[in-house]
């Protein structure tokens, strides 16, 4: 998948209105690439809305027919984090993992 698709999906998870505002984009625009400044703003937005990102990814996990237990849920999450690897820092991915671990601990 293209980076553009990853940007669109991340905007949905973070909240489109906030995403467009923070990155100074026209609402509905679908950039193929983000500038260095936009990437820096995106990192700040992810930090600011990390809980929303974790909740959104957790909702995807729960809705997936492929997820039947914690192990398959973690595998799904890891696939999504790989998909977003160009847009999230390693620290942010680790924080998402930690947040998801807290969420998935209720499944046991």
N, C-alpha and C. Protein backbone atom coordinates (compact mmCIF):
# COMPACT_ATOMS: atom_id res chain seq x y z
N UNK A 1 0.84 -1.19 0.00
CA UNK A 1 0.00 0.00 0.00
C UNK A 1 0.88 1.24 0.00
N UNK A 2 0.31 2.29 -0.48
CA UNK A 2 1.06 3.53 -0.59
C UNK A 2 1.07 4.29 0.73
N UNK A 3 2.01 5.20 0.81
CA UNK A 3 2.09 6.07 1.99
C UNK A 3 0.82 6.91 2.09
N UNK A 4 0.26 7.28 0.95
CA UNK A 4 -0.97 8.07 0.94
C UNK A 4 -2.10 7.34 1.66
N UNK A 5 -2.22 6.05 1.42
CA UNK A 5 -3.26 5.26 2.08
C UNK A 5 -3.00 5.21 3.59
N UNK A 6 -1.73 5.06 3.96
CA UNK A 6 -1.38 5.04 5.39
C UNK A 6 -1.72 6.38 6.03
N UNK A 7 -1.44 7.47 5.34
CA UNK A 7 -1.77 8.81 5.85
C UNK A 7 -3.28 8.94 6.04
N UNK A 8 -4.06 8.49 5.07
CA UNK A 8 -5.52 8.57 5.17
C UNK A 8 -6.05 7.75 6.35
N UNK A 9 -5.52 6.56 6.51
CA UNK A 9 -5.99 5.71 7.60
C UNK A 9 -5.59 6.28 8.96
N UNK A 10 -4.38 6.81 9.05
CA UNK A 10 -3.94 7.42 10.30
C UNK A 10 -4.77 8.66 10.62
N UNK A 11 -5.13 9.42 9.59
CA UNK A 11 -5.97 10.61 9.83
C UNK A 11 -7.32 10.21 10.41
N UNK A 12 -7.86 9.10 9.95
CA UNK A 12 -9.14 8.61 10.47
C UNK A 12 -8.99 8.21 11.94
N UNK A 13 -7.90 7.53 12.27
CA UNK A 13 -7.70 7.06 13.64
C UNK A 13 -7.43 8.22 14.62
N UNK A 14 -6.78 9.26 14.14
CA UNK A 14 -6.43 10.39 15.00
C UNK A 14 -7.54 11.43 15.07
N UNK A 15 -8.46 11.37 14.14
CA UNK A 15 -9.52 12.37 14.03
C UNK A 15 -9.20 13.29 12.87
N UNK A 16 -9.97 13.18 11.81
CA UNK A 16 -9.66 13.89 10.57
C UNK A 16 -9.58 15.40 10.75
N UNK A 17 -10.52 15.94 11.50
CA UNK A 17 -10.52 17.40 11.67
C UNK A 17 -9.22 17.88 12.32
N UNK A 18 -8.81 17.21 13.39
CA UNK A 18 -7.55 17.55 14.05
C UNK A 18 -6.36 17.33 13.12
N UNK A 19 -6.38 16.23 12.42
CA UNK A 19 -5.30 15.89 11.51
C UNK A 19 -5.08 17.00 10.48
N UNK A 20 -6.14 17.40 9.82
CA UNK A 20 -6.02 18.43 8.78
C UNK A 20 -5.59 19.76 9.38
N UNK A 21 -6.11 20.08 10.55
CA UNK A 21 -5.74 21.34 11.19
C UNK A 21 -4.27 21.34 11.59
N UNK A 22 -3.81 20.29 12.26
CA UNK A 22 -2.42 20.22 12.73
C UNK A 22 -1.42 20.23 11.58
N UNK A 23 -1.81 19.61 10.45
CA UNK A 23 -0.87 19.51 9.33
C UNK A 23 -1.05 20.62 8.30
N UNK A 24 -1.95 21.56 8.60
CA UNK A 24 -2.23 22.68 7.70
C UNK A 24 -2.60 22.19 6.30
N UNK A 25 -3.49 21.22 6.26
CA UNK A 25 -3.98 20.68 5.00
C UNK A 25 -5.43 21.09 4.80
N UNK A 26 -5.83 21.22 3.55
CA UNK A 26 -7.24 21.44 3.26
C UNK A 26 -7.98 20.15 3.55
N UNK A 27 -9.11 20.26 4.25
CA UNK A 27 -9.87 19.06 4.59
C UNK A 27 -10.23 18.29 3.33
N UNK A 28 -10.00 17.01 3.39
CA UNK A 28 -10.27 16.14 2.25
C UNK A 28 -9.10 15.96 1.31
N UNK A 29 -8.03 16.73 1.51
CA UNK A 29 -6.87 16.55 0.64
C UNK A 29 -6.22 15.21 0.96
N UNK A 30 -5.65 14.61 -0.03
CA UNK A 30 -5.03 13.30 0.11
C UNK A 30 -3.58 13.38 -0.38
N UNK A 31 -2.69 13.87 0.47
CA UNK A 31 -1.31 14.06 0.03
C UNK A 31 -0.59 12.74 -0.21
N UNK A 32 0.21 12.69 -1.28
CA UNK A 32 1.02 11.50 -1.54
C UNK A 32 2.21 11.46 -0.60
N UNK A 33 2.69 12.61 -0.22
CA UNK A 33 3.83 12.72 0.68
C UNK A 33 3.57 13.85 1.67
N UNK A 34 4.21 13.76 2.81
CA UNK A 34 4.16 14.85 3.78
C UNK A 34 5.52 15.52 3.80
N UNK A 35 5.50 16.85 3.94
CA UNK A 35 6.76 17.58 4.03
C UNK A 35 7.42 17.26 5.38
N UNK A 36 8.66 17.67 5.53
CA UNK A 36 9.36 17.48 6.80
C UNK A 36 8.63 18.16 7.94
N UNK A 37 8.14 19.37 7.68
CA UNK A 37 7.39 20.11 8.71
C UNK A 37 6.08 19.38 9.05
N UNK A 38 5.40 18.86 8.04
CA UNK A 38 4.16 18.14 8.30
C UNK A 38 4.43 16.85 9.08
N UNK A 39 5.53 16.17 8.78
CA UNK A 39 5.88 14.96 9.53
C UNK A 39 6.14 15.31 11.00
N UNK A 40 6.82 16.42 11.24
CA UNK A 40 7.08 16.85 12.62
C UNK A 40 5.77 17.16 13.33
N UNK A 41 4.86 17.82 12.64
CA UNK A 41 3.54 18.12 13.23
C UNK A 41 2.76 16.83 13.48
N UNK A 42 2.88 15.89 12.56
CA UNK A 42 2.19 14.61 12.73
C UNK A 42 2.70 13.89 13.98
N UNK A 43 4.01 13.92 14.21
CA UNK A 43 4.58 13.29 15.40
C UNK A 43 4.00 13.93 16.67
N UNK A 44 3.87 15.24 16.66
CA UNK A 44 3.28 15.93 17.81
C UNK A 44 1.81 15.56 17.99
N UNK A 45 1.09 15.46 16.89
CA UNK A 45 -0.32 15.09 16.95
C UNK A 45 -0.48 13.67 17.49
N UNK A 46 0.35 12.76 17.03
CA UNK A 46 0.28 11.38 17.53
C UNK A 46 0.54 11.37 19.04
N UNK A 47 1.56 12.11 19.47
CA UNK A 47 1.83 12.18 20.90
C UNK A 47 0.63 12.73 21.67
N UNK A 48 0.01 13.74 21.11
CA UNK A 48 -1.14 14.40 21.75
C UNK A 48 -2.37 13.49 21.80
N UNK A 49 -2.55 12.68 20.76
CA UNK A 49 -3.77 11.88 20.64
C UNK A 49 -3.48 10.37 20.69
N UNK A 50 -2.46 10.01 21.42
CA UNK A 50 -2.05 8.60 21.50
C UNK A 50 -3.16 7.70 22.01
N UNK A 51 -3.90 8.15 23.00
CA UNK A 51 -5.00 7.33 23.53
C UNK A 51 -6.05 7.07 22.46
N UNK A 52 -6.36 8.07 21.65
CA UNK A 52 -7.34 7.89 20.58
C UNK A 52 -6.82 6.88 19.55
N UNK A 53 -5.51 6.94 19.27
CA UNK A 53 -4.92 6.00 18.34
C UNK A 53 -5.02 4.57 18.88
N UNK A 54 -4.69 4.39 20.15
CA UNK A 54 -4.79 3.06 20.77
C UNK A 54 -6.23 2.57 20.74
N UNK A 55 -7.18 3.43 21.10
CA UNK A 55 -8.60 3.03 21.08
C UNK A 55 -9.05 2.66 19.67
N UNK A 56 -8.64 3.45 18.69
CA UNK A 56 -9.04 3.16 17.32
C UNK A 56 -8.47 1.85 16.82
N UNK A 57 -7.20 1.60 17.12
CA UNK A 57 -6.60 0.33 16.71
C UNK A 57 -7.22 -0.84 17.47
N UNK A 58 -7.51 -0.64 18.74
CA UNK A 58 -8.16 -1.70 19.52
C UNK A 58 -9.54 -2.01 18.95
N UNK A 59 -10.27 -0.98 18.52
CA UNK A 59 -11.58 -1.20 17.90
C UNK A 59 -11.45 -1.99 16.61
N UNK A 60 -10.41 -1.72 15.84
CA UNK A 60 -10.16 -2.49 14.62
C UNK A 60 -9.90 -3.95 14.96
N UNK A 61 -9.09 -4.17 16.00
CA UNK A 61 -8.76 -5.53 16.41
C UNK A 61 -10.03 -6.28 16.79
N UNK A 62 -10.86 -5.66 17.61
CA UNK A 62 -12.09 -6.29 18.08
C UNK A 62 -13.02 -6.60 16.90
N UNK A 63 -13.07 -5.72 15.92
CA UNK A 63 -13.97 -5.89 14.78
C UNK A 63 -13.47 -6.90 13.76
N UNK A 64 -12.19 -7.25 13.82
CA UNK A 64 -11.61 -8.15 12.83
C UNK A 64 -12.07 -9.59 13.04
N UNK A 65 -12.54 -10.21 11.97
CA UNK A 65 -12.92 -11.62 12.03
C UNK A 65 -11.72 -12.53 12.21
N UNK A 66 -10.53 -12.02 11.89
CA UNK A 66 -9.31 -12.83 11.99
C UNK A 66 -8.79 -12.90 13.42
N UNK A 67 -9.30 -12.08 14.30
CA UNK A 67 -8.82 -12.05 15.68
C UNK A 67 -9.74 -12.91 16.54
N UNK A 68 -9.13 -13.94 17.13
CA UNK A 68 -9.90 -14.86 17.96
C UNK A 68 -9.39 -14.94 19.39
N UNK A 69 -8.22 -14.35 19.64
CA UNK A 69 -7.64 -14.38 20.97
C UNK A 69 -6.58 -13.28 21.08
N UNK A 70 -5.94 -13.19 22.23
CA UNK A 70 -4.95 -12.14 22.45
C UNK A 70 -3.79 -12.26 21.47
N UNK A 71 -3.34 -13.49 21.21
CA UNK A 71 -2.19 -13.69 20.31
C UNK A 71 -2.52 -13.17 18.91
N UNK A 72 -3.68 -13.51 18.38
CA UNK A 72 -4.04 -13.02 17.05
C UNK A 72 -4.31 -11.52 17.07
N UNK A 73 -4.77 -11.00 18.21
CA UNK A 73 -4.97 -9.56 18.34
C UNK A 73 -3.65 -8.81 18.30
N UNK A 74 -2.65 -9.33 18.98
CA UNK A 74 -1.32 -8.72 18.96
C UNK A 74 -0.72 -8.80 17.56
N UNK A 75 -0.92 -9.93 16.88
CA UNK A 75 -0.42 -10.07 15.51
C UNK A 75 -1.07 -9.04 14.58
N UNK A 76 -2.37 -8.84 14.75
CA UNK A 76 -3.08 -7.83 13.96
C UNK A 76 -2.50 -6.45 14.23
N UNK A 77 -2.33 -6.13 15.51
CA UNK A 77 -1.77 -4.83 15.88
C UNK A 77 -0.38 -4.64 15.27
N UNK A 78 0.45 -5.66 15.33
CA UNK A 78 1.80 -5.55 14.78
C UNK A 78 1.76 -5.31 13.27
N UNK A 79 0.83 -5.94 12.58
CA UNK A 79 0.67 -5.67 11.14
C UNK A 79 0.31 -4.21 10.90
N UNK A 80 -0.58 -3.67 11.72
CA UNK A 80 -0.98 -2.27 11.56
C UNK A 80 0.19 -1.33 11.87
N UNK A 81 0.96 -1.65 12.91
CA UNK A 81 2.12 -0.81 13.25
C UNK A 81 3.17 -0.86 12.15
N UNK A 82 3.34 -2.00 11.52
CA UNK A 82 4.26 -2.10 10.37
C UNK A 82 3.74 -1.25 9.23
N UNK A 83 2.44 -1.30 9.00
CA UNK A 83 1.82 -0.50 7.94
C UNK A 83 2.08 1.00 8.16
N UNK A 84 2.03 1.44 9.42
CA UNK A 84 2.25 2.85 9.75
C UNK A 84 3.70 3.17 10.07
N UNK A 85 4.62 2.27 9.79
CA UNK A 85 6.01 2.44 10.25
C UNK A 85 6.68 3.72 9.76
N UNK A 86 6.33 4.20 8.59
CA UNK A 86 6.94 5.43 8.09
C UNK A 86 6.36 6.68 8.75
N UNK A 87 5.25 6.53 9.44
CA UNK A 87 4.56 7.68 10.01
C UNK A 87 4.68 7.78 11.53
N UNK A 88 5.04 6.68 12.17
CA UNK A 88 5.15 6.65 13.63
C UNK A 88 6.60 6.39 14.02
N UNK A 89 7.02 7.00 15.10
CA UNK A 89 8.36 6.73 15.62
C UNK A 89 8.34 5.39 16.35
N UNK A 90 9.52 4.83 16.59
CA UNK A 90 9.59 3.58 17.35
C UNK A 90 9.02 3.79 18.76
N UNK A 91 9.31 4.93 19.37
CA UNK A 91 8.77 5.22 20.69
C UNK A 91 7.25 5.24 20.67
N UNK A 92 6.66 5.84 19.64
CA UNK A 92 5.20 5.88 19.53
C UNK A 92 4.63 4.48 19.33
N UNK A 93 5.29 3.68 18.49
CA UNK A 93 4.82 2.31 18.30
C UNK A 93 4.88 1.53 19.62
N UNK A 94 5.93 1.74 20.40
CA UNK A 94 6.06 1.06 21.69
C UNK A 94 4.96 1.50 22.66
N UNK A 95 4.63 2.78 22.65
CA UNK A 95 3.55 3.28 23.51
C UNK A 95 2.20 2.71 23.08
N UNK A 96 1.99 2.54 21.78
CA UNK A 96 0.76 1.91 21.29
C UNK A 96 0.71 0.46 21.78
N UNK A 97 1.83 -0.24 21.66
CA UNK A 97 1.88 -1.62 22.16
C UNK A 97 1.53 -1.69 23.64
N UNK A 98 2.11 -0.79 24.43
CA UNK A 98 1.83 -0.76 25.87
C UNK A 98 0.36 -0.48 26.14
N UNK A 99 -0.20 0.49 25.43
CA UNK A 99 -1.62 0.80 25.60
C UNK A 99 -2.50 -0.35 25.20
N UNK A 100 -2.12 -1.04 24.13
CA UNK A 100 -2.90 -2.18 23.68
C UNK A 100 -2.78 -3.34 24.67
N UNK A 101 -1.60 -3.53 25.26
CA UNK A 101 -1.41 -4.58 26.26
C UNK A 101 -2.35 -4.37 27.44
N UNK A 102 -2.48 -3.12 27.85
CA UNK A 102 -3.39 -2.80 28.95
C UNK A 102 -4.83 -3.12 28.55
N UNK A 103 -5.20 -2.77 27.33
CA UNK A 103 -6.54 -3.05 26.83
C UNK A 103 -6.78 -4.55 26.73
N UNK A 104 -5.84 -5.29 26.14
CA UNK A 104 -6.04 -6.71 25.90
C UNK A 104 -5.94 -7.55 27.16
N UNK A 105 -5.37 -7.00 28.23
CA UNK A 105 -5.29 -7.76 29.47
C UNK A 105 -6.69 -8.07 30.02
N UNK A 106 -7.68 -7.31 29.61
CA UNK A 106 -9.06 -7.55 30.05
C UNK A 106 -9.68 -8.76 29.36
N UNK A 107 -9.04 -9.25 28.28
CA UNK A 107 -9.57 -10.39 27.55
C UNK A 107 -9.30 -11.71 28.25
N UNK A 108 -8.36 -11.71 29.16
CA UNK A 108 -7.93 -12.98 29.77
C UNK A 108 -8.83 -13.42 30.86
